Amino acid sequence: MNKLSLLILIIFLTSCQNNILKNIAKTDIDIITEIHAANAKDYLEDLVIKLYKLNPVYIKKNENYNSVSQVIIDIFKEVDTNKVDKTGKKNIELILKGFDKEFNGDRVYYMCKGLYGMINASYNYKNKFYLTDPKIDAQKLMNTAINIETLVWRLSNTKDNDNTLMIKTNNINKNKINLSFERLFGKLINNQENMARIISSQQGRMIQKAAKGLVSKVLFLPIGI
């Protein structure tokens, strides 16, 4: 066996060994968490595309990006956890900017960027999980689900100065009600709630879901790390 072949074999075996070690270092809860984190990202990406399709005016108001695909790349890009706002307030500010009557820019972009920031924070800004990682906080996952419900309420009730909804979601077309947004938000909420219950059950801890009322409909809960 020549030196080149030997080198290739060593690299291959090392790669296989690393993959085996990674798989060994994963628990069932790590695998389930990865699935839920990926689901949340997929649901939100679908949501971004649908929101721009129904509200095309906003992509034209984006000062940095000319297409929805560019916006998606920015929203879902990896973040440096050393630089993120660990209080979670920044993501709330981004969402609220999307509902600010004085703001005349891309509401969809800021709302979705803040929403994914919250969801990402609930998974500690990770998409791969291992045995040695810090434990995911079940209450943060549940709080994210609550925040999504708050967001849905705001989308259905926040109007601009012309008394029209700032960001359109469910609509009526040819006497048929389009509830695709409602279903998509429902999947996102259930995804976070299910993950929260799985982790709380595994850790033997109780989680709380705030009672629905005026406060829970108006305020967002900070999701920090």
Protein backbone atom coordinates (compact mmCIF):
# COMPACT_ATOMS: atom_id res chain seq x y z
CA MET A 1 0.00 0.00 0.00
CA ASN A 2 1.48 3.32 -1.03
CA LYS A 3 1.65 6.34 1.26
CA LEU A 4 -1.28 8.13 -0.42
CA SER A 5 -3.59 5.14 -0.02
CA LEU A 6 -2.51 4.73 3.59
CA LEU A 7 -3.22 8.40 4.29
CA ILE A 8 -6.68 8.16 2.72
CA LEU A 9 -7.43 5.05 4.79
CA ILE A 10 -6.35 6.77 8.02
CA ILE A 11 -8.54 9.81 7.26
CA PHE A 12 -11.50 7.54 6.47
CA LEU A 13 -11.11 5.49 9.65
CA THR A 14 -10.70 8.63 11.75
CA SER A 15 -13.88 10.11 10.26
CA CYS A 16 -15.79 6.89 10.95
CA GLN A 17 -14.51 6.83 14.51
CA ASN A 18 -15.58 10.43 15.10
CA ASN A 19 -19.08 9.72 13.77
CA ILE A 20 -19.38 6.64 15.98
CA LEU A 21 -18.26 8.59 19.04
CA LYS A 22 -20.75 11.36 18.27
CA ASN A 23 -23.60 8.88 17.96
CA ILE A 24 -22.58 7.17 21.19
CA ALA A 25 -22.54 10.57 22.90
CA LYS A 26 -26.19 11.19 21.99
CA THR A 27 -29.11 10.19 24.18
CA ASP A 28 -32.65 9.63 22.94
CA ILE A 29 -33.61 13.05 24.27
CA ASP A 30 -30.79 14.64 22.24
CA ILE A 31 -32.10 13.07 19.03
CA ILE A 32 -35.67 14.12 19.82
CA THR A 33 -34.51 17.66 20.56
CA GLU A 34 -32.70 17.86 17.22
CA ILE A 35 -35.89 16.78 15.44
CA HIS A 36 -37.98 19.43 17.20
CA ALA A 37 -35.40 22.16 16.57
CA ALA A 38 -35.33 21.24 12.88
CA ASN A 39 -39.14 21.16 12.74
CA ALA A 40 -39.36 24.64 14.26
CA LYS A 41 -36.93 25.99 11.68
CA ASP A 42 -38.82 24.36 8.79
CA TYR A 43 -42.20 25.65 10.00
CA LEU A 44 -40.85 29.17 10.38
CA GLU A 45 -39.23 29.13 6.95
CA ASP A 46 -42.60 28.13 5.46
CA LEU A 47 -44.18 30.95 7.44
CA VAL A 48 -41.70 33.53 6.12
CA ILE A 49 -42.41 32.50 2.51
CA LYS A 50 -46.18 32.57 3.01
CA LEU A 51 -46.14 35.95 4.77
CA TYR A 52 -44.21 37.58 1.94
CA LYS A 53 -46.50 35.96 -0.61
CA LEU A 54 -49.54 37.50 1.06
CA ASN A 55 -47.74 40.75 1.94
CA PRO A 56 -45.44 41.38 -1.07
CA VAL A 57 -45.20 45.10 -0.33
CA TYR A 58 -42.81 44.49 2.55
CA ILE A 59 -39.96 42.86 0.65
CA LYS A 60 -39.85 46.04 -1.45
CA LYS A 61 -39.36 48.04 1.74
CA ASN A 62 -36.42 45.97 2.96
CA GLU A 63 -33.35 48.20 2.94
CA ASN A 64 -30.80 45.37 2.87
CA TYR A 65 -32.28 42.53 0.82
CA ASN A 66 -34.02 42.36 -2.55
CA SER A 67 -35.47 38.87 -2.39
CA VAL A 68 -37.20 36.52 0.05
CA SER A 69 -34.37 34.00 -0.32
CA GLN A 70 -31.86 36.59 0.90
CA VAL A 71 -34.07 37.35 3.89
CA ILE A 72 -34.32 33.64 4.73
CA ILE A 73 -30.53 33.26 4.62
CA ASP A 74 -30.15 36.18 7.03
CA ILE A 75 -32.85 35.06 9.46
CA PHE A 76 -31.52 31.50 9.75
CA LYS A 77 -27.80 32.17 9.66
CA GLU A 78 -25.70 30.87 12.55
CA VAL A 79 -25.10 33.31 15.38
CA ASP A 80 -22.15 33.82 17.68
CA THR A 81 -23.47 32.95 21.13
CA ASN A 82 -20.82 35.19 22.65
CA LYS A 83 -22.42 38.19 20.97
CA VAL A 84 -26.15 37.49 21.33
CA ASP A 85 -28.31 39.37 23.81
CA LYS A 86 -28.51 36.86 26.64
CA THR A 87 -31.53 38.59 28.19
CA GLY A 88 -33.76 37.84 25.19
CA LYS A 89 -34.99 41.45 25.06
CA LYS A 90 -33.45 42.12 21.64
CA ASN A 91 -35.68 39.53 19.96
CA ILE A 92 -38.75 41.10 21.58
CA GLU A 93 -37.67 44.50 20.26
CA LEU A 94 -37.36 43.07 16.75
CA ILE A 95 -40.88 41.64 16.87
CA LEU A 96 -42.36 44.83 18.28
CA LYS A 97 -40.69 46.84 15.52
CA GLY A 98 -42.79 44.85 13.07
CA PHE A 99 -45.91 46.20 14.79
CA ASP A 100 -44.75 49.79 15.30
CA LYS A 101 -47.17 52.18 13.57
CA GLU A 102 -44.38 54.69 13.00
CA PHE A 103 -42.18 52.12 11.23
CA ASN A 104 -42.39 52.13 7.43
CA GLY A 105 -39.99 49.29 6.59
CA ASP A 106 -40.17 45.53 6.21
CA ARG A 107 -42.44 44.41 9.05
CA VAL A 108 -42.31 40.73 8.05
CA TYR A 109 -38.51 40.64 8.24
CA TYR A 110 -38.22 42.10 11.72
CA MET A 111 -41.11 40.09 13.13
CA CYS A 112 -39.78 36.78 11.79
CA LYS A 113 -36.18 37.53 12.71
CA GLY A 114 -37.21 38.19 16.30
CA LEU A 115 -39.45 35.13 16.37
CA TYR A 116 -36.72 32.80 15.16
CA GLY A 117 -34.30 34.42 17.58
CA MET A 118 -36.65 33.43 20.41
CA ILE A 119 -37.05 29.89 19.14
CA ASN A 120 -33.32 29.55 18.56
CA ALA A 121 -32.64 30.79 22.10
CA SER A 122 -35.01 28.17 23.51
CA TYR A 123 -32.68 25.54 22.02
CA ASN A 124 -29.59 27.40 23.29
CA TYR A 125 -28.79 28.47 19.72
CA LYS A 126 -27.92 24.89 18.78
CA ASN A 127 -29.18 22.40 16.20
CA LYS A 128 -27.03 19.45 17.27
CA PHE A 129 -27.21 18.05 20.80
CA TYR A 130 -24.96 15.71 22.76
CA LEU A 131 -24.81 14.09 26.17
CA THR A 132 -22.30 16.62 27.48
CA ASP A 133 -24.30 19.71 26.40
CA PRO A 134 -26.04 21.94 28.96
CA LYS A 135 -29.62 20.82 29.48
CA ILE A 136 -32.41 22.53 27.53
CA ASP A 137 -34.79 24.52 29.74
CA ALA A 138 -38.31 23.15 29.37
CA GLN A 139 -39.86 26.35 30.71
CA LYS A 140 -38.14 28.41 28.00
CA LEU A 141 -39.62 26.13 25.36
CA MET A 142 -43.08 26.54 26.88
CA ASN A 143 -42.63 30.31 27.13
CA THR A 144 -41.76 30.38 23.45
CA ALA A 145 -45.04 28.62 22.68
CA ILE A 146 -46.84 31.25 24.75
CA ASN A 147 -45.04 34.01 22.85
CA ILE A 148 -46.16 32.52 19.53
CA GLU A 149 -49.75 32.60 20.75
CA THR A 150 -49.23 36.25 21.70
CA LEU A 151 -47.84 36.92 18.24
CA VAL A 152 -50.85 35.29 16.58
CA TRP A 153 -53.14 37.53 18.65
CA ARG A 154 -51.20 40.63 17.62
CA LEU A 155 -51.31 39.65 13.94
CA SER A 156 -55.08 39.31 14.14
CA ASN A 157 -55.67 42.55 16.04
CA THR A 158 -52.94 45.11 15.27
CA LYS A 159 -54.02 47.62 12.64
CA ASP A 160 -52.31 50.59 11.02
CA ASN A 161 -53.55 54.17 10.82
CA ASP A 162 -55.87 53.18 7.94
CA ASN A 163 -57.56 50.59 10.18
CA THR A 164 -56.23 47.67 8.14
CA LEU A 165 -54.20 44.78 9.52
CA MET A 166 -50.49 45.57 9.43
CA ILE A 167 -49.55 42.04 8.37
CA LYS A 168 -52.15 39.87 6.64
CA THR A 169 -52.42 36.20 7.53
CA ASN A 170 -55.65 34.21 7.11
CA ASN A 171 -57.78 35.63 4.31
CA ILE A 172 -60.97 34.95 2.38
CA ASN A 173 -60.62 34.10 -1.32
CA LYS A 174 -63.64 33.24 -3.46
CA ASN A 175 -65.78 32.78 -0.34
CA LYS A 176 -63.26 30.29 1.05
CA ILE A 177 -61.37 31.02 4.27
CA ASN A 178 -57.65 30.32 4.01
CA LEU A 179 -56.56 28.94 7.37
CA SER A 180 -53.10 27.80 6.31
CA PHE A 181 -51.44 30.35 8.60
CA GLU A 182 -53.51 29.16 11.55
CA ARG A 183 -52.44 25.57 10.90
CA LEU A 184 -48.79 26.54 10.51
CA PHE A 185 -48.75 28.54 13.73
CA GLY A 186 -50.53 25.64 15.41
CA LYS A 187 -47.77 23.25 14.33
CA LEU A 188 -45.13 25.65 15.63
CA ILE A 189 -46.87 26.04 19.00
CA ASN A 190 -47.44 22.29 19.38
CA ASN A 191 -43.83 21.58 18.45
CA GLN A 192 -42.54 23.80 21.26
CA GLU A 193 -45.10 22.59 23.80
CA ASN A 194 -44.41 18.94 23.04
CA MET A 195 -40.66 19.42 23.41
CA ALA A 196 -41.20 21.27 26.68
CA ARG A 197 -43.32 18.44 28.09
CA ILE A 198 -40.86 15.77 26.95
CA ILE A 199 -37.94 17.50 28.64
CA SER A 200 -39.86 18.34 31.82
CA SER A 201 -40.97 14.71 32.08
CA GLN A 202 -37.41 13.48 31.53
CA GLN A 203 -36.01 15.91 34.10
CA GLY A 204 -38.85 15.41 36.57
CA ARG A 205 -39.66 19.12 36.68
CA MET A 206 -42.93 21.00 36.49
CA ILE A 207 -43.57 23.65 33.84
CA GLN A 208 -46.23 26.30 33.82
CA LYS A 209 -48.27 27.78 31.03
CA ALA A 210 -49.56 31.27 31.76
CA ALA A 211 -53.31 31.67 31.91
CA LYS A 212 -54.72 33.18 28.76
CA GLY A 213 -55.77 36.74 29.32
CA LEU A 214 -55.06 40.31 28.37
CA VAL A 215 -51.51 40.28 29.75
CA SER A 216 -50.52 37.07 27.94
CA LYS A 217 -51.95 38.48 24.72
CA VAL A 218 -50.05 41.75 24.90
CA LEU A 219 -46.68 40.97 26.49
CA PHE A 220 -43.86 38.74 25.28
CA LEU A 221 -41.79 36.69 27.70
CA PRO A 222 -38.01 37.13 27.24
CA ILE A 223 -36.23 33.95 26.14
CA GLY A 224 -32.61 34.31 27.19
CA ILE A 225 -29.69 31.93 27.52
